[in-house]
C-alpha cells in the first residue's frame, strides 16, 4: 500500500486528497479534506490580483480623463480642419 496526500483545487475549493492505493490490485480509498491554510493563501493572492486590476483601471481612467481635459481647450481654440466647412461655395461642384 502507498499512502498519498495530494493538495488540489477542486471546483474552486482548496482541498487535500488523503488516501491509500494498493499497488497490486490498483484500488484504494481516500477522502477530501478542506485545506484552510491553502484557501487563505489563495484568497490573499486573489485579493491582491483584484486590487491590482482595480488600481490599473483607476489609473487608466485618470489618464483618460486628464487627456480629455487637456484636449478640450484645444478643440475650443483650434477647430480641426474640415469640421467647420466655412464657405460652402468653394466645395460645390460646378
C-alpha atoms as a PDB file:
ATOM      1  CA  UNK A   1       0.000   0.000   0.000  1.00  0.00           C
ATOM      2  CA  UNK A   2       1.046   3.543  -0.780  1.00  0.00           C
ATOM      3  CA  UNK A   3      -0.335   6.418   1.264  1.00  0.00           C
ATOM      4  CA  UNK A   4      -0.884   9.685  -0.553  1.00  0.00           C
ATOM      5  CA  UNK A   5      -1.597  13.270   0.362  1.00  0.00           C
ATOM      6  CA  UNK A   6      -2.331  15.488  -2.649  1.00  0.00           C
ATOM      7  CA  UNK A   7      -3.336  19.150  -2.332  1.00  0.00           C
ATOM      8  CA  UNK A   8      -5.509  20.470  -5.177  1.00  0.00           C
ATOM      9  CA  UNK A   9      -8.174  22.980  -6.089  1.00  0.00           C
ATOM     10  CA  UNK A  10     -11.396  21.179  -6.922  1.00  0.00           C
ATOM     11  CA  UNK A  11     -14.233  23.298  -8.346  1.00  0.00           C
ATOM     12  CA  UNK A  12     -12.607  26.398  -6.870  1.00  0.00           C
ATOM     13  CA  UNK A  13     -12.236  24.899  -3.386  1.00  0.00           C
ATOM     14  CA  UNK A  14      -8.843  24.135  -1.851  1.00  0.00           C
ATOM     15  CA  UNK A  15      -8.808  20.532  -0.682  1.00  0.00           C
ATOM     16  CA  UNK A  16      -6.363  17.770   0.229  1.00  0.00           C
ATOM     17  CA  UNK A  17      -6.962  14.252  -1.027  1.00  0.00           C
ATOM     18  CA  UNK A  18      -5.737  11.797   1.604  1.00  0.00           C
ATOM     19  CA  UNK A  19      -5.821   8.110   0.977  1.00  0.00           C
ATOM     20  CA  UNK A  20      -4.050   4.939   0.039  1.00  0.00           C
ATOM     21  CA  UNK A  21      -3.662   2.789  -3.052  1.00  0.00           C
ATOM     22  CA  UNK A  22      -2.895  -0.955  -3.163  1.00  0.00           C
ATOM     23  CA  UNK A  23      -0.242  -1.299  -5.881  1.00  0.00           C
ATOM     24  CA  UNK A  24      -1.089  -4.946  -6.607  1.00  0.00           C
ATOM     25  CA  UNK A  25      -4.846  -4.575  -7.012  1.00  0.00           C
ATOM     26  CA  UNK A  26      -4.713  -0.901  -8.116  1.00  0.00           C
ATOM     27  CA  UNK A  27      -7.556   0.076  -5.851  1.00  0.00           C
ATOM     28  CA  UNK A  28      -7.713   2.096  -2.702  1.00  0.00           C
ATOM     29  CA  UNK A  29      -9.635   4.543  -0.647  1.00  0.00           C
ATOM     30  CA  UNK A  30      -9.368   8.214   0.119  1.00  0.00           C
ATOM     31  CA  UNK A  31     -11.222  11.302   1.178  1.00  0.00           C
ATOM     32  CA  UNK A  32     -11.189  15.030   0.522  1.00  0.00           C
ATOM     33  CA  UNK A  33     -10.453  17.447   3.345  1.00  0.00           C
ATOM     34  CA  UNK A  34     -10.867  21.209   3.231  1.00  0.00           C
ATOM     35  CA  UNK A  35      -7.445  22.918   3.226  1.00  0.00           C
ATOM     36  CA  UNK A  36      -7.993  26.078   5.259  1.00  0.00           C
ATOM     37  CA  UNK A  37      -4.352  27.241   5.158  1.00  0.00           C
ATOM     38  CA  UNK A  38      -4.103  26.992   1.383  1.00  0.00           C
ATOM     39  CA  UNK A  39      -7.553  28.559   0.982  1.00  0.00           C
ATOM     40  CA  UNK A  40      -6.420  31.620   2.944  1.00  0.00           C
ATOM     41  CA  UNK A  41      -3.267  31.841   0.823  1.00  0.00           C
ATOM     42  CA  UNK A  42      -5.241  31.558  -2.443  1.00  0.00           C
ATOM     43  CA  UNK A  43      -7.740  34.138  -1.173  1.00  0.00           C
ATOM     44  CA  UNK A  44      -4.909  36.568  -0.411  1.00  0.00           C
ATOM     45  CA  UNK A  45      -3.496  36.047  -3.925  1.00  0.00           C
ATOM     46  CA  UNK A  46      -6.928  36.620  -5.486  1.00  0.00           C
ATOM     47  CA  UNK A  47      -7.488  39.775  -3.416  1.00  0.00           C
ATOM     48  CA  UNK A  48      -4.070  41.129  -4.437  1.00  0.00           C
ATOM     49  CA  UNK A  49      -4.803  40.450  -8.110  1.00  0.00           C
ATOM     50  CA  UNK A  50      -8.221  42.092  -7.785  1.00  0.00           C
ATOM     51  CA  UNK A  51      -6.744  45.184  -6.110  1.00  0.00           C
ATOM     52  CA  UNK A  52      -4.032  45.415  -8.783  1.00  0.00           C
ATOM     53  CA  UNK A  53      -6.665  45.255 -11.532  1.00  0.00           C
ATOM     54  CA  UNK A  54      -8.731  47.896  -9.740  1.00  0.00           C
ATOM     55  CA  UNK A  55      -5.665  50.155  -9.382  1.00  0.00           C
ATOM     56  CA  UNK A  56      -4.746  49.764 -13.056  1.00  0.00           C
ATOM     57  CA  UNK A  57      -8.336  50.537 -14.111  1.00  0.00           C
ATOM     58  CA  UNK A  58      -8.393  53.629 -11.896  1.00  0.00           C
ATOM     59  CA  UNK A  59      -5.027  54.785 -13.304  1.00  0.00           C
ATOM     60  CA  UNK A  60      -6.280  54.295 -16.852  1.00  0.00           C
ATOM     61  CA  UNK A  61      -9.484  56.237 -16.141  1.00  0.00           C
ATOM     62  CA  UNK A  62      -7.479  59.061 -14.526  1.00  0.00           C
ATOM     63  CA  UNK A  63      -5.133  59.276 -17.533  1.00  0.00           C
ATOM     64  CA  UNK A  64      -8.083  59.185 -19.920  1.00  0.00           C
ATOM     65  CA  UNK A  65      -9.904  61.939 -18.009  1.00  0.00           C
ATOM     66  CA  UNK A  66      -6.736  64.056 -17.891  1.00  0.00           C
ATOM     67  CA  UNK A  67      -6.167  63.532 -21.602  1.00  0.00           C
ATOM     68  CA  UNK A  68      -9.755  64.551 -22.407  1.00  0.00           C
ATOM     69  CA  UNK A  69      -9.430  67.651 -20.219  1.00  0.00           C
ATOM     70  CA  UNK A  70      -6.191  68.586 -21.999  1.00  0.00           C
ATOM     71  CA  UNK A  71      -7.789  68.196 -25.424  1.00  0.00           C
ATOM     72  CA  UNK A  72     -10.985  70.118 -24.655  1.00  0.00           C
ATOM     73  CA  UNK A  73      -9.417  73.633 -24.579  1.00  0.00           C
ATOM     74  CA  UNK A  74      -7.561  72.886 -27.827  1.00  0.00           C
ATOM     75  CA  UNK A  75     -10.789  71.898 -29.554  1.00  0.00           C
ATOM     76  CA  UNK A  76     -12.432  75.136 -28.494  1.00  0.00           C
ATOM     77  CA  UNK A  77      -9.477  77.263 -29.687  1.00  0.00           C
ATOM     78  CA  UNK A  78      -8.464  75.451 -32.883  1.00  0.00           C
ATOM     79  CA  UNK A  79     -11.273  73.509 -34.527  1.00  0.00           C
ATOM     80  CA  UNK A  80      -9.934  70.776 -36.722  1.00  0.00           C
ATOM     81  CA  UNK A  81      -9.911  71.456 -40.468  1.00  0.00           C
ATOM     82  CA  UNK A  82     -12.961  70.102 -42.209  1.00  0.00           C
ATOM     83  CA  UNK A  83     -15.142  70.208 -39.124  1.00  0.00           C
ATOM     84  CA  UNK A  84     -16.073  73.812 -39.813  1.00  0.00           C
ATOM     85  CA  UNK A  85     -16.807  73.945 -43.529  1.00  0.00           C
ATOM     86  CA  UNK A  86     -16.650  77.734 -43.668  1.00  0.00           C
ATOM     87  CA  UNK A  87     -17.607  78.899 -47.169  1.00  0.00           C
ATOM     88  CA  UNK A  88     -19.528  76.033 -48.708  1.00  0.00           C
ATOM     89  CA  UNK A  89     -19.395  77.673 -52.150  1.00  0.00           C
ATOM     90  CA  UNK A  90     -15.761  76.569 -52.505  1.00  0.00           C
ATOM     91  CA  UNK A  91     -16.804  72.934 -52.195  1.00  0.00           C
ATOM     92  CA  UNK A  92     -19.702  72.922 -54.664  1.00  0.00           C
ATOM     93  CA  UNK A  93     -19.274  71.182 -57.964  1.00  0.00           C
ATOM     94  CA  UNK A  94     -19.910  73.466 -60.947  1.00  0.00           C
END
